[in-house]
Amino acid sequence: MNIGFIGLGVMGRPMAGHLIAAGHQVALHRVKEASQALVEQGGKALSSAQAVAEVSDIVILMLPDTPDVEAVLFGPEGVAAGLAPGKLVIDMSSISPIATKDFAARIETLGADYLDAPVSGGEVGAKNAALTIMVGGKQAVFDRALPLFQTMGKNITLVGGVGDGQTAKVANQIIVGLNIQAVAEALLFAQKAGADPAKVREALMGGFAASRVLERIWRWRWMRRARLTLPCPTPRQPSR
């Protein structure tokens, strides 16, 4: 299948790499030194998002924020300019659900289909093709894209219509953010009360308070330092 992939950052690079490894013809835009290996693996670097869309059946975006997605889709030499009826745009960025519905409507007026499919799982999940993918769109369009999702992730859910994938991702962020805050408060409380926060965490991991955040927080700081003043770090990528 002819796939376009735009957005080759920490998450996008391994995701695009899995598609290339699966035998797809992958057109790339925004190739930089860090992502040059994708070209060596068989990806084809093109000069614009429009050029990527022109040669692709499905165009995947993995960009930082809502304005970036809008610019790549509808800016000069954007994806929209290279679309034709029957093509599919999949936005795997984490952006506004409201803007997503507007973008989808504009793409669909061109005769193309649209899915929003933000992910969770971080860089590790992207590298291991183990991402959780939350999808919004039509069932038939989802079915068409499912083999690609299965190449990049493991827990794949069609949540509902366009925008519902982004809504699920916002819900994910709320839960993760509050969980990080709760773990930070609990372990700091334990430390201030004179208890060993490492032992408190060990005890909590065997009960109902156990969570991925409580599990992984050790990797963020405690595994890197012999002594601590604060038990809770600020992770680089809590949202992914």
Foldseek 3Di string as FASTA:
>chain_A
DQEEEEDCPLQRLLLLVLVLVVPYAYEYEPDDPVNVVSVVSHYHYDHAQLVSLQRGQEYEYADAEDVVVCCQQPNVRHNLNNHAANGEYEYQYQYALVSQVVSQVVSVVRNYGYKYWHWDDPSVLQNVLAIAIEIADDPVVCVVCVVSNSSRHDNYDHQYHRSVRNVVLVVVVVVLVVLLVVLQVVLLVCVVVPHDSVVVLVVCCVDPNNDPCSVCQCVQPVVPDPDDDGSGDDDPPSSD
